[in-house]
Structures are given as structure tokens and as C-alpha cells.
Amino acid sequence: MSTATEPETLAELIADCAEIPRPEVPRHEQVPTATPWTVDDACHAQVADLDEYV
């Protein structure tokens, strides 16, 4: 990777980016799970008559 010049081709840019070190990620920590998505009555009411508009 050369910091003195800008890459002139996409291949040079990809090669430069491939040399950037990845951050260390601790292996012992668990990734939090997302809250399940649910549709409530208010959300459903917004699209209840969608077929009439399409």
C-alpha cells in the first residue's frame, strides 16, 4: 500500500484496502441478539387498505 499516491485503478484500490489490518474482536464476548420484530395493530392499520392503492 502506498500512502504517497492515490490508486489509479480499481485493482490498486482493492489491493490497498486488503492491506488494512482488521480490528481485533474478542472471541469470548457474545453478540447481543436483536429483539424479534412484531407487527402491532397500529402498524397493520397503516397497510390494511394497501390493495386499494396499488
PDB file of N, CA and C in Angstrom:
ATOM      1  N   MET A   1       0.847  -1.168   0.000  1.00  0.00           N
ATOM      2  CA  MET A   1       0.000   0.000   0.000  1.00  0.00           C
ATOM      3  C   MET A   1       0.893   1.231   0.000  1.00  0.00           C
ATOM      4  N   SER A   2       0.609   2.124  -0.869  1.00  0.00           N
ATOM      5  CA  SER A   2       1.384   3.350  -0.946  1.00  0.00           C
ATOM      6  C   SER A   2       0.513   4.515  -0.488  1.00  0.00           C
ATOM      7  N   THR A   3       0.963   5.216   0.545  1.00  0.00           N
ATOM      8  CA  THR A   3       0.202   6.368   1.021  1.00  0.00           C
ATOM      9  C   THR A   3       0.625   7.647   0.312  1.00  0.00           C
ATOM     10  N   ALA A   4       1.646   7.558  -0.548  1.00  0.00           N
ATOM     11  CA  ALA A   4       2.144   8.737  -1.241  1.00  0.00           C
ATOM     12  C   ALA A   4       1.291   9.094  -2.451  1.00  0.00           C
ATOM     13  N   THR A   5       0.663   8.118  -3.069  1.00  0.00           N
ATOM     14  CA  THR A   5      -0.131   8.391  -4.273  1.00  0.00           C
ATOM     15  C   THR A   5      -1.509   7.768  -4.153  1.00  0.00           C
ATOM     16  N   GLU A   6      -2.420   8.309  -4.891  1.00  0.00           N
ATOM     17  CA  GLU A   6      -3.763   7.751  -4.962  1.00  0.00           C
ATOM     18  C   GLU A   6      -3.744   6.557  -5.916  1.00  0.00           C
ATOM     19  N   PRO A   7      -4.568   5.541  -5.668  1.00  0.00           N
ATOM     20  CA  PRO A   7      -4.637   4.423  -6.606  1.00  0.00           C
ATOM     21  C   PRO A   7      -5.223   4.908  -7.939  1.00  0.00           C
ATOM     22  N   GLU A   8      -4.675   4.371  -9.007  1.00  0.00           N
ATOM     23  CA  GLU A   8      -5.126   4.782 -10.336  1.00  0.00           C
ATOM     24  C   GLU A   8      -6.130   3.818 -10.937  1.00  0.00           C
ATOM     25  N   THR A   9      -6.233   2.621 -10.391  1.00  0.00           N
ATOM     26  CA  THR A   9      -7.178   1.638 -10.912  1.00  0.00           C
ATOM     27  C   THR A   9      -7.955   1.038  -9.749  1.00  0.00           C
ATOM     28  N   LEU A  10      -9.059   0.393 -10.077  1.00  0.00           N
ATOM     29  CA  LEU A  10      -9.855  -0.283  -9.055  1.00  0.00           C
ATOM     30  C   LEU A  10      -9.052  -1.414  -8.426  1.00  0.00           C
ATOM     31  N   ALA A  11      -8.254  -2.094  -9.211  1.00  0.00           N
ATOM     32  CA  ALA A  11      -7.430  -3.186  -8.687  1.00  0.00           C
ATOM     33  C   ALA A  11      -6.435  -2.666  -7.645  1.00  0.00           C
ATOM     34  N   GLU A  12      -5.834  -1.505  -7.902  1.00  0.00           N
ATOM     35  CA  GLU A  12      -4.907  -0.925  -6.936  1.00  0.00           C
ATOM     36  C   GLU A  12      -5.638  -0.532  -5.654  1.00  0.00           C
ATOM     37  N   LEU A  13      -6.841   0.005  -5.781  1.00  0.00           N
ATOM     38  CA  LEU A  13      -7.622   0.381  -4.614  1.00  0.00           C
ATOM     39  C   LEU A  13      -7.968  -0.843  -3.772  1.00  0.00           C
ATOM     40  N   ILE A  14      -8.385  -1.916  -4.423  1.00  0.00           N
ATOM     41  CA  ILE A  14      -8.719  -3.153  -3.713  1.00  0.00           C
ATOM     42  C   ILE A  14      -7.483  -3.713  -3.030  1.00  0.00           C
ATOM     43  N   ALA A  15      -6.352  -3.695  -3.703  1.00  0.00           N
ATOM     44  CA  ALA A  15      -5.110  -4.194  -3.107  1.00  0.00           C
ATOM     45  C   ALA A  15      -4.723  -3.350  -1.891  1.00  0.00           C
ATOM     46  N   ASP A  16      -4.882  -2.031  -1.994  1.00  0.00           N
ATOM     47  CA  ASP A  16      -4.570  -1.156  -0.867  1.00  0.00           C
ATOM     48  C   ASP A  16      -5.491  -1.455   0.315  1.00  0.00           C
ATOM     49  N   CYS A  17      -6.775  -1.626   0.041  1.00  0.00           N
ATOM     50  CA  CYS A  17      -7.737  -1.887   1.109  1.00  0.00           C
ATOM     51  C   CYS A  17      -7.496  -3.253   1.755  1.00  0.00           C
ATOM     52  N   ALA A  18      -7.032  -4.209   0.982  1.00  0.00           N
ATOM     53  CA  ALA A  18      -6.777  -5.550   1.514  1.00  0.00           C
ATOM     54  C   ALA A  18      -5.646  -5.542   2.532  1.00  0.00           C
ATOM     55  N   GLU A  19      -4.786  -4.531   2.481  1.00  0.00           N
ATOM     56  CA  GLU A  19      -3.660  -4.449   3.405  1.00  0.00           C
ATOM     57  C   GLU A  19      -4.023  -3.758   4.719  1.00  0.00           C
ATOM     58  N   ILE A  20      -5.224  -3.203   4.827  1.00  0.00           N
ATOM     59  CA  ILE A  20      -5.649  -2.551   6.067  1.00  0.00           C
ATOM     60  C   ILE A  20      -5.918  -3.640   7.101  1.00  0.00           C
ATOM     61  N   PRO A  21      -5.287  -3.553   8.253  1.00  0.00           N
ATOM     62  CA  PRO A  21      -5.495  -4.607   9.259  1.00  0.00           C
ATOM     63  C   PRO A  21      -6.915  -4.560   9.827  1.00  0.00           C
ATOM     64  N   ARG A  22      -7.458  -5.732  10.096  1.00  0.00           N
ATOM     65  CA  ARG A  22      -8.786  -5.828  10.696  1.00  0.00           C
ATOM     66  C   ARG A  22      -8.662  -5.619  12.193  1.00  0.00           C
ATOM     67  N   PRO A  23      -9.679  -5.001  12.809  1.00  0.00           N
ATOM     68  CA  PRO A  23      -9.621  -4.810  14.263  1.00  0.00           C
ATOM     69  C   PRO A  23      -9.759  -6.143  14.986  1.00  0.00           C
ATOM     70  N   GLU A  24      -9.124  -6.221  16.139  1.00  0.00           N
ATOM     71  CA  GLU A  24      -9.228  -7.422  16.953  1.00  0.00           C
ATOM     72  C   GLU A  24     -10.616  -7.483  17.590  1.00  0.00           C
ATOM     73  N   VAL A  25     -11.268  -8.616  17.459  1.00  0.00           N
ATOM     74  CA  VAL A  25     -12.582  -8.818  18.048  1.00  0.00           C
ATOM     75  C   VAL A  25     -12.452  -9.900  19.110  1.00  0.00           C
ATOM     76  N   PRO A  26     -12.790  -9.570  20.356  1.00  0.00           N
ATOM     77  CA  PRO A  26     -12.704 -10.592  21.401  1.00  0.00           C
ATOM     78  C   PRO A  26     -13.622 -11.769  21.079  1.00  0.00           C
ATOM     79  N   ARG A  27     -13.097 -12.957  21.175  1.00  0.00           N
ATOM     80  CA  ARG A  27     -13.856 -14.153  20.824  1.00  0.00           C
ATOM     81  C   ARG A  27     -14.783 -14.604  21.947  1.00  0.00           C
ATOM     82  N   HIS A  28     -14.521 -14.181  23.188  1.00  0.00           N
ATOM     83  CA  HIS A  28     -15.293 -14.664  24.320  1.00  0.00           C
ATOM     84  C   HIS A  28     -16.598 -13.895  24.528  1.00  0.00           C
ATOM     85  N   GLU A  29     -16.742 -12.730  23.885  1.00  0.00           N
ATOM     86  CA  GLU A  29     -17.957 -11.949  24.058  1.00  0.00           C
ATOM     87  C   GLU A  29     -19.031 -12.409  23.063  1.00  0.00           C
ATOM     88  N   GLN A  30     -20.237 -12.526  23.550  1.00  0.00           N
ATOM     89  CA  GLN A  30     -21.327 -12.904  22.675  1.00  0.00           C
ATOM     90  C   GLN A  30     -21.956 -11.652  22.073  1.00  0.00           C
ATOM     91  N   VAL A  31     -22.367 -11.776  20.844  1.00  0.00           N
ATOM     92  CA  VAL A  31     -23.053 -10.683  20.168  1.00  0.00           C
ATOM     93  C   VAL A  31     -24.496 -10.665  20.655  1.00  0.00           C
ATOM     94  N   PRO A  32     -24.992  -9.505  21.076  1.00  0.00           N
ATOM     95  CA  PRO A  32     -26.367  -9.469  21.563  1.00  0.00           C
ATOM     96  C   PRO A  32     -27.352  -9.792  20.437  1.00  0.00           C
ATOM     97  N   THR A  33     -28.387 -10.489  20.781  1.00  0.00           N
ATOM     98  CA  THR A  33     -29.393 -10.832  19.779  1.00  0.00           C
ATOM     99  C   THR A  33     -30.399  -9.700  19.659  1.00  0.00           C
ATOM    100  N   ALA A  34     -30.919  -9.538  18.479  1.00  0.00           N
ATOM    101  CA  ALA A  34     -31.896  -8.487  18.220  1.00  0.00           C
ATOM    102  C   ALA A  34     -33.254  -8.882  18.783  1.00  0.00           C
ATOM    103  N   THR A  35     -33.998  -7.873  19.166  1.00  0.00           N
ATOM    104  CA  THR A  35     -35.357  -8.110  19.628  1.00  0.00           C
ATOM    105  C   THR A  35     -36.206  -8.531  18.433  1.00  0.00           C
ATOM    106  N   PRO A  36     -36.977  -9.595  18.556  1.00  0.00           N
ATOM    107  CA  PRO A  36     -37.817 -10.018  17.428  1.00  0.00           C
ATOM    108  C   PRO A  36     -38.780  -8.912  17.012  1.00  0.00           C
ATOM    109  N   TRP A  37     -38.981  -8.778  15.712  1.00  0.00           N
ATOM    110  CA  TRP A  37     -39.843  -7.753  15.162  1.00  0.00           C
ATOM    111  C   TRP A  37     -41.272  -8.267  15.162  1.00  0.00           C
ATOM    112  N   THR A  38     -42.185  -7.436  15.606  1.00  0.00           N
ATOM    113  CA  THR A  38     -43.597  -7.813  15.620  1.00  0.00           C
ATOM    114  C   THR A  38     -44.425  -6.707  14.986  1.00  0.00           C
ATOM    115  N   VAL A  39     -45.563  -7.067  14.474  1.00  0.00           N
ATOM    116  CA  VAL A  39     -46.484  -6.111  13.870  1.00  0.00           C
ATOM    117  C   VAL A  39     -47.622  -5.887  14.845  1.00  0.00           C
ATOM    118  N   ASP A  40     -47.762  -4.640  15.287  1.00  0.00           N
ATOM    119  CA  ASP A  40     -48.874  -4.339  16.180  1.00  0.00           C
ATOM    120  C   ASP A  40     -50.067  -3.841  15.355  1.00  0.00           C
ATOM    121  N   ASP A  41     -51.163  -3.581  16.022  1.00  0.00           N
ATOM    122  CA  ASP A  41     -52.382  -3.152  15.326  1.00  0.00           C
ATOM    123  C   ASP A  41     -52.191  -1.830  14.599  1.00  0.00           C
ATOM    124  N   ALA A  42     -51.449  -0.898  15.173  1.00  0.00           N
ATOM    125  CA  ALA A  42     -51.231   0.400  14.530  1.00  0.00           C
ATOM    126  C   ALA A  42     -50.444   0.238  13.229  1.00  0.00           C
ATOM    127  N   CYS A  43     -49.442  -0.611  13.253  1.00  0.00           N
ATOM    128  CA  CYS A  43     -48.651  -0.847  12.045  1.00  0.00           C
ATOM    129  C   CYS A  43     -49.498  -1.538  10.979  1.00  0.00           C
ATOM    130  N   HIS A  44     -50.261  -2.509  11.386  1.00  0.00           N
ATOM    131  CA  HIS A  44     -51.105  -3.237  10.447  1.00  0.00           C
ATOM    132  C   HIS A  44     -52.157  -2.316   9.842  1.00  0.00           C
ATOM    133  N   ALA A  45     -52.687  -1.387  10.612  1.00  0.00           N
ATOM    134  CA  ALA A  45     -53.717  -0.466  10.121  1.00  0.00           C
ATOM    135  C   ALA A  45     -53.178   0.444   9.030  1.00  0.00           C
ATOM    136  N   GLN A  46     -51.892   0.727   9.038  1.00  0.00           N
ATOM    137  CA  GLN A  46     -51.302   1.602   8.021  1.00  0.00           C
ATOM    138  C   GLN A  46     -51.325   0.958   6.645  1.00  0.00           C
ATOM    139  N   VAL A  47     -51.288  -0.361   6.580  1.00  0.00           N
ATOM    140  CA  VAL A  47     -51.246  -1.050   5.292  1.00  0.00           C
ATOM    141  C   VAL A  47     -52.477  -1.922   5.052  1.00  0.00           C
ATOM    142  N   ALA A  48     -53.478  -1.784   5.896  1.00  0.00           N
ATOM    143  CA  ALA A  48     -54.651  -2.643   5.789  1.00  0.00           C
ATOM    144  C   ALA A  48     -55.354  -2.477   4.442  1.00  0.00           C
ATOM    145  N   ASP A  49     -55.421  -1.247   3.929  1.00  0.00           N
ATOM    146  CA  ASP A  49     -56.103  -0.983   2.666  1.00  0.00           C
ATOM    147  C   ASP A  49     -55.144  -0.764   1.515  1.00  0.00           C
ATOM    148  N   LEU A  50     -53.955  -1.338   1.606  1.00  0.00           N
ATOM    149  CA  LEU A  50     -52.931  -1.141   0.587  1.00  0.00           C
ATOM    150  C   LEU A  50     -53.379  -1.599  -0.796  1.00  0.00           C
ATOM    151  N   ASP A  51     -54.136  -2.684  -0.876  1.00  0.00           N
ATOM    152  CA  ASP A  51     -54.595  -3.210  -2.163  1.00  0.00           C
ATOM    153  C   ASP A  51     -55.429  -2.191  -2.922  1.00  0.00           C
ATOM    154  N   GLU A  52     -56.121  -1.315  -2.233  1.00  0.00           N
ATOM    155  CA  GLU A  52     -56.928  -0.296  -2.900  1.00  0.00           C
ATOM    156  C   GLU A  52     -56.067   0.722  -3.617  1.00  0.00           C
ATOM    157  N   TYR A  53     -54.842   0.970  -3.139  1.00  0.00           N
ATOM    158  CA  TYR A  53     -53.958   1.970  -3.742  1.00  0.00           C
ATOM    159  C   TYR A  53     -53.081   1.407  -4.840  1.00  0.00           C
ATOM    160  N   VAL A  54     -52.886   0.104  -4.842  1.00  0.00           N
ATOM    161  CA  VAL A  54     -51.960  -0.499  -5.811  1.00  0.00           C
ATOM    162  C   VAL A  54     -52.664  -0.828  -7.096  1.00  0.00           C
TER     163      VAL A  54
END
